[in-house]
Amino acid sequence: MKHNTNKKYNEEFRKMVVELYRSGRPVKELSSEYGISEVTIYKWIKKYSPITTIDEEEVTLEDLKKLQKEMLRLKEENEILKKAMTIFARK
């Protein structure tokens, strides 16, 4: 079976494939059934499978990436505010 590497799958579909895997379906079977490479499915599994934190919360790799982006944005805003405060403190 030839796989079309140009396919774009929506997030809902990717999560569904991961759920099928988590419910016991082998990656090889999912790959054949949906025409998706096994490597791609493993990437989705990594991206959408929850990670349990120290305080027993579950987050996905996707959630962590979003949190890191938000944290960077907030750090940048914080630096801008610190600079603005030093400018206003001089006046």
PDB file of N, CA and C in Angstrom:
ATOM      1  N   MET A   1       0.847  -1.185   0.000  1.00  0.00           N
ATOM      2  CA  MET A   1       0.000   0.000   0.000  1.00  0.00           C
ATOM      3  C   MET A   1       0.888   1.243   0.000  1.00  0.00           C
ATOM      4  N   LYS A   2       0.599   2.136  -0.898  1.00  0.00           N
ATOM      5  CA  LYS A   2       1.353   3.381  -0.994  1.00  0.00           C
ATOM      6  C   LYS A   2       0.719   4.428  -0.085  1.00  0.00           C
ATOM      7  N   HIS A   3       1.537   5.093   0.717  1.00  0.00           N
ATOM      8  CA  HIS A   3       1.026   6.109   1.632  1.00  0.00           C
ATOM      9  C   HIS A   3       1.162   7.484   1.010  1.00  0.00           C
ATOM     10  N   ASN A   4       0.133   8.276   1.138  1.00  0.00           N
ATOM     11  CA  ASN A   4       0.164   9.657   0.659  1.00  0.00           C
ATOM     12  C   ASN A   4       0.701  10.531   1.784  1.00  0.00           C
ATOM     13  N   THR A   5       1.928  11.014   1.634  1.00  0.00           N
ATOM     14  CA  THR A   5       2.562  11.798   2.696  1.00  0.00           C
ATOM     15  C   THR A   5       2.073  13.234   2.719  1.00  0.00           C
ATOM     16  N   ASN A   6       1.307  13.659   1.704  1.00  0.00           N
ATOM     17  CA  ASN A   6       0.828  15.036   1.656  1.00  0.00           C
ATOM     18  C   ASN A   6      -0.499  15.231   2.381  1.00  0.00           C
ATOM     19  N   LYS A   7      -1.050  14.152   2.945  1.00  0.00           N
ATOM     20  CA  LYS A   7      -2.341  14.257   3.622  1.00  0.00           C
ATOM     21  C   LYS A   7      -2.217  15.116   4.870  1.00  0.00           C
ATOM     22  N   LYS A   8      -3.231  15.901   5.105  1.00  0.00           N
ATOM     23  CA  LYS A   8      -3.310  16.674   6.343  1.00  0.00           C
ATOM     24  C   LYS A   8      -4.484  16.109   7.131  1.00  0.00           C
ATOM     25  N   TYR A   9      -4.208  15.698   8.341  1.00  0.00           N
ATOM     26  CA  TYR A   9      -5.252  15.133   9.183  1.00  0.00           C
ATOM     27  C   TYR A   9      -5.610  16.150  10.254  1.00  0.00           C
ATOM     28  N   ASN A  10      -6.910  16.312  10.508  1.00  0.00           N
ATOM     29  CA  ASN A  10      -7.294  17.253  11.555  1.00  0.00           C
ATOM     30  C   ASN A  10      -7.023  16.649  12.931  1.00  0.00           C
ATOM     31  N   GLU A  11      -6.997  17.525  13.913  1.00  0.00           N
ATOM     32  CA  GLU A  11      -6.636  17.115  15.271  1.00  0.00           C
ATOM     33  C   GLU A  11      -7.591  16.056  15.823  1.00  0.00           C
ATOM     34  N   GLU A  12      -8.860  16.200  15.524  1.00  0.00           N
ATOM     35  CA  GLU A  12      -9.864  15.237  15.997  1.00  0.00           C
ATOM     36  C   GLU A  12      -9.554  13.833  15.483  1.00  0.00           C
ATOM     37  N   PHE A  13      -9.203  13.734  14.201  1.00  0.00           N
ATOM     38  CA  PHE A  13      -8.868  12.439  13.606  1.00  0.00           C
ATOM     39  C   PHE A  13      -7.625  11.847  14.272  1.00  0.00           C
ATOM     40  N   ARG A  14      -6.585  12.685  14.463  1.00  0.00           N
ATOM     41  CA  ARG A  14      -5.345  12.216  15.083  1.00  0.00           C
ATOM     42  C   ARG A  14      -5.604  11.687  16.484  1.00  0.00           C
ATOM     43  N   LYS A  15      -6.417  12.438  17.255  1.00  0.00           N
ATOM     44  CA  LYS A  15      -6.734  12.009  18.616  1.00  0.00           C
ATOM     45  C   LYS A  15      -7.527  10.698  18.609  1.00  0.00           C
ATOM     46  N   MET A  16      -8.399  10.535  17.614  1.00  0.00           N
ATOM     47  CA  MET A  16      -9.177   9.306  17.508  1.00  0.00           C
ATOM     48  C   MET A  16      -8.256   8.110  17.277  1.00  0.00           C
ATOM     49  N   VAL A  17      -7.272   8.275  16.391  1.00  0.00           N
ATOM     50  CA  VAL A  17      -6.322   7.189  16.109  1.00  0.00           C
ATOM     51  C   VAL A  17      -5.544   6.834  17.381  1.00  0.00           C
ATOM     52  N   VAL A  18      -5.130   7.854  18.131  1.00  0.00           N
ATOM     53  CA  VAL A  18      -4.402   7.622  19.384  1.00  0.00           C
ATOM     54  C   VAL A  18      -5.295   6.883  20.382  1.00  0.00           C
ATOM     55  N   GLU A  19      -6.560   7.272  20.466  1.00  0.00           N
ATOM     56  CA  GLU A  19      -7.491   6.585  21.374  1.00  0.00           C
ATOM     57  C   GLU A  19      -7.664   5.115  20.972  1.00  0.00           C
ATOM     58  N   LEU A  20      -7.733   4.866  19.666  1.00  0.00           N
ATOM     59  CA  LEU A  20      -7.841   3.479  19.196  1.00  0.00           C
ATOM     60  C   LEU A  20      -6.606   2.686  19.625  1.00  0.00           C
ATOM     61  N   TYR A  21      -5.447   3.308  19.513  1.00  0.00           N
ATOM     62  CA  TYR A  21      -4.201   2.662  19.952  1.00  0.00           C
ATOM     63  C   TYR A  21      -4.250   2.379  21.456  1.00  0.00           C
ATOM     64  N   ARG A  22      -4.679   3.382  22.217  1.00  0.00           N
ATOM     65  CA  ARG A  22      -4.723   3.238  23.679  1.00  0.00           C
ATOM     66  C   ARG A  22      -5.754   2.206  24.121  1.00  0.00           C
ATOM     67  N   SER A  23      -6.742   1.950  23.273  1.00  0.00           N
ATOM     68  CA  SER A  23      -7.750   0.948  23.620  1.00  0.00           C
ATOM     69  C   SER A  23      -7.325  -0.462  23.184  1.00  0.00           C
ATOM     70  N   GLY A  24      -6.103  -0.576  22.657  1.00  0.00           N
ATOM     71  CA  GLY A  24      -5.579  -1.912  22.369  1.00  0.00           C
ATOM     72  C   GLY A  24      -5.294  -2.242  20.914  1.00  0.00           C
ATOM     73  N   ARG A  25      -5.612  -1.346  19.998  1.00  0.00           N
ATOM     74  CA  ARG A  25      -5.351  -1.624  18.579  1.00  0.00           C
ATOM     75  C   ARG A  25      -3.864  -1.445  18.284  1.00  0.00           C
ATOM     76  N   PRO A  26      -3.233  -2.406  17.600  1.00  0.00           N
ATOM     77  CA  PRO A  26      -1.811  -2.272  17.265  1.00  0.00           C
ATOM     78  C   PRO A  26      -1.564  -1.172  16.226  1.00  0.00           C
ATOM     79  N   VAL A  27      -0.417  -0.522  16.331  1.00  0.00           N
ATOM     80  CA  VAL A  27      -0.051   0.551  15.400  1.00  0.00           C
ATOM     81  C   VAL A  27      -0.036   0.026  13.967  1.00  0.00           C
ATOM     82  N   LYS A  28       0.497  -1.167  13.784  1.00  0.00           N
ATOM     83  CA  LYS A  28       0.582  -1.764  12.441  1.00  0.00           C
ATOM     84  C   LYS A  28      -0.819  -1.865  11.813  1.00  0.00           C
ATOM     85  N   GLU A  29      -1.780  -2.303  12.594  1.00  0.00           N
ATOM     86  CA  GLU A  29      -3.164  -2.434  12.124  1.00  0.00           C
ATOM     87  C   GLU A  29      -3.762  -1.068  11.779  1.00  0.00           C
ATOM     88  N   LEU A  30      -3.551  -0.078  12.651  1.00  0.00           N
ATOM     89  CA  LEU A  30      -4.063   1.275  12.405  1.00  0.00           C
ATOM     90  C   LEU A  30      -3.421   1.874  11.155  1.00  0.00           C
ATOM     91  N   SER A  31      -2.141   1.604  10.978  1.00  0.00           N
ATOM     92  CA  SER A  31      -1.411   2.100   9.816  1.00  0.00           C
ATOM     93  C   SER A  31      -2.022   1.556   8.527  1.00  0.00           C
ATOM     94  N   SER A  32      -2.274   0.258   8.506  1.00  0.00           N
ATOM     95  CA  SER A  32      -2.870  -0.369   7.317  1.00  0.00           C
ATOM     96  C   SER A  32      -4.292   0.131   7.072  1.00  0.00           C
ATOM     97  N   GLU A  33      -5.074   0.180   8.131  1.00  0.00           N
ATOM     98  CA  GLU A  33      -6.482   0.552   8.003  1.00  0.00           C
ATOM     99  C   GLU A  33      -6.682   1.987   7.526  1.00  0.00           C
ATOM    100  N   TYR A  34      -5.864   2.915   8.022  1.00  0.00           N
ATOM    101  CA  TYR A  34      -6.068   4.324   7.698  1.00  0.00           C
ATOM    102  C   TYR A  34      -5.066   4.887   6.693  1.00  0.00           C
ATOM    103  N   GLY A  35      -4.095   4.084   6.287  1.00  0.00           N
ATOM    104  CA  GLY A  35      -3.120   4.547   5.300  1.00  0.00           C
ATOM    105  C   GLY A  35      -2.185   5.613   5.842  1.00  0.00           C
ATOM    106  N   ILE A  36      -1.813   5.466   7.107  1.00  0.00           N
ATOM    107  CA  ILE A  36      -0.924   6.417   7.769  1.00  0.00           C
ATOM    108  C   ILE A  36       0.345   5.659   8.141  1.00  0.00           C
ATOM    109  N   SER A  37       1.495   6.298   7.987  1.00  0.00           N
ATOM    110  CA  SER A  37       2.738   5.598   8.339  1.00  0.00           C
ATOM    111  C   SER A  37       2.783   5.335   9.839  1.00  0.00           C
ATOM    112  N   GLU A  38       3.451   4.242  10.215  1.00  0.00           N
ATOM    113  CA  GLU A  38       3.581   3.906  11.628  1.00  0.00           C
ATOM    114  C   GLU A  38       4.326   5.010  12.378  1.00  0.00           C
ATOM    115  N   VAL A  39       5.346   5.586  11.740  1.00  0.00           N
ATOM    116  CA  VAL A  39       6.121   6.660  12.364  1.00  0.00           C
ATOM    117  C   VAL A  39       5.200   7.827  12.728  1.00  0.00           C
ATOM    118  N   THR A  40       4.312   8.181  11.816  1.00  0.00           N
ATOM    119  CA  THR A  40       3.366   9.274  12.056  1.00  0.00           C
ATOM    120  C   THR A  40       2.469   8.944  13.244  1.00  0.00           C
ATOM    121  N   ILE A  41       1.965   7.733  13.289  1.00  0.00           N
ATOM    122  CA  ILE A  41       1.085   7.329  14.402  1.00  0.00           C
ATOM    123  C   ILE A  41       1.845   7.404  15.721  1.00  0.00           C
ATOM    124  N   TYR A  42       3.098   6.949  15.737  1.00  0.00           N
ATOM    125  CA  TYR A  42       3.889   7.022  16.971  1.00  0.00           C
ATOM    126  C   TYR A  42       4.108   8.472  17.403  1.00  0.00           C
ATOM    127  N   LYS A  43       4.270   9.380  16.428  1.00  0.00           N
ATOM    128  CA  LYS A  43       4.417  10.807  16.760  1.00  0.00           C
ATOM    129  C   LYS A  43       3.139  11.327  17.415  1.00  0.00           C
ATOM    130  N   TRP A  44       1.992  10.922  16.853  1.00  0.00           N
ATOM    131  CA  TRP A  44       0.712  11.345  17.410  1.00  0.00           C
ATOM    132  C   TRP A  44       0.537  10.791  18.822  1.00  0.00           C
ATOM    133  N   ILE A  45       0.917   9.540  19.020  1.00  0.00           N
ATOM    134  CA  ILE A  45       0.801   8.914  20.346  1.00  0.00           C
ATOM    135  C   ILE A  45       1.615   9.721  21.350  1.00  0.00           C
ATOM    136  N   LYS A  46       2.832  10.081  20.962  1.00  0.00           N
ATOM    137  CA  LYS A  46       3.700  10.869  21.844  1.00  0.00           C
ATOM    138  C   LYS A  46       3.073  12.233  22.136  1.00  0.00           C
ATOM    139  N   LYS A  47       2.519  12.845  21.091  1.00  0.00           N
ATOM    140  CA  LYS A  47       1.954  14.188  21.227  1.00  0.00           C
ATOM    141  C   LYS A  47       0.691  14.221  22.084  1.00  0.00           C
ATOM    142  N   TYR A  48      -0.176  13.224  21.941  1.00  0.00           N
ATOM    143  CA  TYR A  48      -1.486  13.271  22.587  1.00  0.00           C
ATOM    144  C   TYR A  48      -1.635  12.391  23.821  1.00  0.00           C
ATOM    145  N   SER A  49      -0.634  11.604  24.155  1.00  0.00           N
ATOM    146  CA  SER A  49      -0.757  10.764  25.347  1.00  0.00           C
ATOM    147  C   SER A  49      -0.439  11.577  26.588  1.00  0.00           C
ATOM    148  N   PRO A  50      -1.248  11.401  27.612  1.00  0.00           N
ATOM    149  CA  PRO A  50      -1.031  12.199  28.819  1.00  0.00           C
ATOM    150  C   PRO A  50       0.206  11.771  29.594  1.00  0.00           C
ATOM    151  N   ILE A  51       0.786  12.748  30.270  1.00  0.00           N
ATOM    152  CA  ILE A  51       1.918  12.525  31.156  1.00  0.00           C
ATOM    153  C   ILE A  51       1.390  12.855  32.547  1.00  0.00           C
ATOM    154  N   THR A  52       1.639  11.984  33.524  1.00  0.00           N
ATOM    155  CA  THR A  52       1.165  12.248  34.880  1.00  0.00           C
ATOM    156  C   THR A  52       2.206  13.066  35.623  1.00  0.00           C
ATOM    157  N   THR A  53       1.774  14.188  36.186  1.00  0.00           N
ATOM    158  CA  THR A  53       2.684  15.065  36.917  1.00  0.00           C
ATOM    159  C   THR A  53       2.810  14.593  38.365  1.00  0.00           C
ATOM    160  N   ILE A  54       3.677  15.248  39.100  1.00  0.00           N
ATOM    161  CA  ILE A  54       3.920  14.885  40.497  1.00  0.00           C
ATOM    162  C   ILE A  54       2.630  14.924  41.317  1.00  0.00           C
ATOM    163  N   ASP A  55       1.794  15.931  41.055  1.00  0.00           N
ATOM    164  CA  ASP A  55       0.543  16.041  41.814  1.00  0.00           C
ATOM    165  C   ASP A  55      -0.623  15.306  41.149  1.00  0.00           C
ATOM    166  N   GLU A  56      -0.282  14.269  40.374  1.00  0.00           N
ATOM    167  CA  GLU A  56      -1.270  13.354  39.767  1.00  0.00           C
ATOM    168  C   GLU A  56      -2.155  13.985  38.694  1.00  0.00           C
ATOM    169  N   GLU A  57      -1.781  15.162  38.178  1.00  0.00           N
ATOM    170  CA  GLU A  57      -2.516  15.752  37.068  1.00  0.00           C
ATOM    171  C   GLU A  57      -2.015  15.124  35.779  1.00  0.00           C
ATOM    172  N   GLU A  58      -2.874  15.073  34.769  1.00  0.00           N
ATOM    173  CA  GLU A  58      -2.451  14.564  33.470  1.00  0.00           C
ATOM    174  C   GLU A  58      -2.379  15.702  32.472  1.00  0.00           C
ATOM    175  N   VAL A  59      -1.242  15.805  31.773  1.00  0.00           N
ATOM    176  CA  VAL A  59      -1.076  16.787  30.710  1.00  0.00           C
ATOM    177  C   VAL A  59      -0.454  16.074  29.517  1.00  0.00           C
ATOM    178  N   THR A  60      -0.724  16.595  28.331  1.00  0.00           N
ATOM    179  CA  THR A  60      -0.115  16.015  27.133  1.00  0.00           C
ATOM    180  C   THR A  60       1.098  16.843  26.743  1.00  0.00           C
ATOM    181  N   LEU A  61       1.890  16.302  25.843  1.00  0.00           N
ATOM    182  CA  LEU A  61       3.044  17.020  25.329  1.00  0.00           C
ATOM    183  C   LEU A  61       2.583  18.322  24.681  1.00  0.00           C
ATOM    184  N   GLU A  62       1.455  18.260  24.012  1.00  0.00           N
ATOM    185  CA  GLU A  62       0.854  19.441  23.383  1.00  0.00           C
ATOM    186  C   GLU A  62       0.555  20.520  24.435  1.00  0.00           C
ATOM    187  N   ASP A  63      -0.035  20.098  25.575  1.00  0.00           N
ATOM    188  CA  ASP A  63      -0.325  21.031  26.663  1.00  0.00           C
ATOM    189  C   ASP A  63       0.958  21.680  27.180  1.00  0.00           C
ATOM    190  N   LEU A  64       1.999  20.864  27.352  1.00  0.00           N
ATOM    191  CA  LEU A  64       3.272  21.385  27.853  1.00  0.00           C
ATOM    192  C   LEU A  64       3.858  22.420  26.905  1.00  0.00           C
ATOM    193  N   LYS A  65       3.779  22.148  25.608  1.00  0.00           N
ATOM    194  CA  LYS A  65       4.298  23.098  24.622  1.00  0.00           C
ATOM    195  C   LYS A  65       3.538  24.418  24.684  1.00  0.00           C
ATOM    196  N   LYS A  66       2.205  24.336  24.827  1.00  0.00           N
ATOM    197  CA  LYS A  66       1.396  25.549  24.940  1.00  0.00           C
ATOM    198  C   LYS A  66       1.775  26.324  26.196  1.00  0.00           C
ATOM    199  N   LEU A  67       1.972  25.609  27.300  1.00  0.00           N
ATOM    200  CA  LEU A  67       2.343  26.259  28.554  1.00  0.00           C
ATOM    201  C   LEU A  67       3.709  26.931  28.450  1.00  0.00           C
ATOM    202  N   GLN A  68       4.645  26.273  27.774  1.00  0.00           N
ATOM    203  CA  GLN A  68       5.975  26.856  27.601  1.00  0.00           C
ATOM    204  C   GLN A  68       5.912  28.134  26.771  1.00  0.00           C
ATOM    205  N   LYS A  69       5.116  28.116  25.702  1.00  0.00           N
ATOM    206  CA  LYS A  69       4.940  29.309  24.869  1.00  0.00           C
ATOM    207  C   LYS A  69       4.362  30.457  25.691  1.00  0.00           C
ATOM    208  N   GLU A  70       3.332  30.147  26.471  1.00  0.00           N
ATOM    209  CA  GLU A  70       2.684  31.150  27.311  1.00  0.00           C
ATOM    210  C   GLU A  70       3.674  31.693  28.343  1.00  0.00           C
ATOM    211  N   MET A  71       4.475  30.810  28.925  1.00  0.00           N
ATOM    212  CA  MET A  71       5.454  31.228  29.920  1.00  0.00           C
ATOM    213  C   MET A  71       6.488  32.180  29.298  1.00  0.00           C
ATOM    214  N   LEU A  72       6.946  31.863  28.102  1.00  0.00           N
ATOM    215  CA  LEU A  72       7.892  32.738  27.409  1.00  0.00           C
ATOM    216  C   LEU A  72       7.286  34.113  27.142  1.00  0.00           C
ATOM    217  N   ARG A  73       6.041  34.117  26.693  1.00  0.00           N
ATOM    218  CA  ARG A  73       5.348  35.373  26.413  1.00  0.00           C
ATOM    219  C   ARG A  73       5.239  36.206  27.686  1.00  0.00           C
ATOM    220  N   LEU A  74       4.882  35.563  28.787  1.00  0.00           N
ATOM    221  CA  LEU A  74       4.746  36.276  30.060  1.00  0.00           C
ATOM    222  C   LEU A  74       6.086  36.798  30.562  1.00  0.00           C
ATOM    223  N   LYS A  75       7.154  36.029  30.361  1.00  0.00           N
ATOM    224  CA  LYS A  75       8.489  36.485  30.758  1.00  0.00           C
ATOM    225  C   LYS A  75       8.878  37.741  29.968  1.00  0.00           C
ATOM    226  N   GLU A  76       8.589  37.722  28.667  1.00  0.00           N
ATOM    227  CA  GLU A  76       8.891  38.885  27.829  1.00  0.00           C
ATOM    228  C   GLU A  76       8.095  40.106  28.293  1.00  0.00           C
ATOM    229  N   GLU A  77       6.811  39.909  28.572  1.00  0.00           N
ATOM    230  CA  GLU A  77       5.975  41.010  29.060  1.00  0.00           C
ATOM    231  C   GLU A  77       6.521  41.543  30.378  1.00  0.00           C
ATOM    232  N   ASN A  78       6.947  40.637  31.240  1.00  0.00           N
ATOM    233  CA  ASN A  78       7.503  41.005  32.535  1.00  0.00           C
ATOM    234  C   ASN A  78       8.751  41.870  32.370  1.00  0.00           C
ATOM    235  N   GLU A  79       9.622  41.486  31.449  1.00  0.00           N
ATOM    236  CA  GLU A  79      10.840  42.264  31.189  1.00  0.00           C
ATOM    237  C   GLU A  79      10.509  43.666  30.680  1.00  0.00           C
ATOM    238  N   ILE A  80       9.514  43.744  29.796  1.00  0.00           N
ATOM    239  CA  ILE A  80       9.086  45.040  29.260  1.00  0.00           C
ATOM    240  C   ILE A  80       8.566  45.924  30.398  1.00  0.00           C
ATOM    241  N   LEU A  81       7.761  45.336  31.287  1.00  0.00           N
ATOM    242  CA  LEU A  81       7.215  46.095  32.414  1.00  0.00           C
ATOM    243  C   LEU A  81       8.321  46.561  33.362  1.00  0.00           C
ATOM    244  N   LYS A  82       9.311  45.712  33.605  1.00  0.00           N
ATOM    245  CA  LYS A  82      10.439  46.093  34.472  1.00  0.00           C
ATOM    246  C   LYS A  82      11.180  47.288  33.882  1.00  0.00           C
ATOM    247  N   LYS A  83      11.428  47.251  32.563  1.00  0.00           N
ATOM    248  CA  LYS A  83      12.113  48.361  31.900  1.00  0.00           C
ATOM    249  C   LYS A  83      11.284  49.633  31.983  1.00  0.00           C
ATOM    250  N   ALA A  84       9.974  49.503  31.782  1.00  0.00           N
ATOM    251  CA  ALA A  84       9.095  50.660  31.847  1.00  0.00           C
ATOM    252  C   ALA A  84       9.085  51.250  33.259  1.00  0.00           C
ATOM    253  N   MET A  85       9.105  50.387  34.272  1.00  0.00           N
ATOM    254  CA  MET A  85       9.122  50.871  35.649  1.00  0.00           C
ATOM    255  C   MET A  85      10.401  51.655  35.957  1.00  0.00           C
ATOM    256  N   THR A  86      11.531  51.209  35.461  1.00  0.00           N
ATOM    257  CA  THR A  86      12.790  51.926  35.717  1.00  0.00           C
ATOM    258  C   THR A  86      12.771  53.282  35.018  1.00  0.00           C
ATOM    259  N   ILE A  87      12.177  53.333  33.836  1.00  0.00           N
ATOM    260  CA  ILE A  87      12.072  54.614  33.106  1.00  0.00           C
ATOM    261  C   ILE A  87      11.192  55.577  33.879  1.00  0.00           C
ATOM    262  N   PHE A  88      10.026  55.108  34.364  1.00  0.00           N
ATOM    263  CA  PHE A  88       9.113  55.982  35.102  1.00  0.00           C
ATOM    264  C   PHE A  88       9.646  56.343  36.478  1.00  0.00           C
ATOM    265  N   ALA A  89      10.427  55.467  37.071  1.00  0.00           N
ATOM    266  CA  ALA A  89      10.987  55.731  38.400  1.00  0.00           C
ATOM    267  C   ALA A  89      11.999  56.879  38.354  1.00  0.00           C
ATOM    268  N   ARG A  90      12.661  57.040  37.205  1.00  0.00           N
ATOM    269  CA  ARG A  90      13.642  58.129  37.048  1.00  0.00           C
ATOM    270  C   ARG A  90      12.993  59.501  36.994  1.00  0.00           C
ATOM    271  N   LYS A  91      11.747  59.541  36.516  1.00  0.00           N
ATOM    272  CA  LYS A  91      11.065  60.832  36.300  1.00  0.00           C
ATOM    273  C   LYS A  91      10.512  61.415  37.582  1.00  0.00           C
TER     274      LYS A  91
END
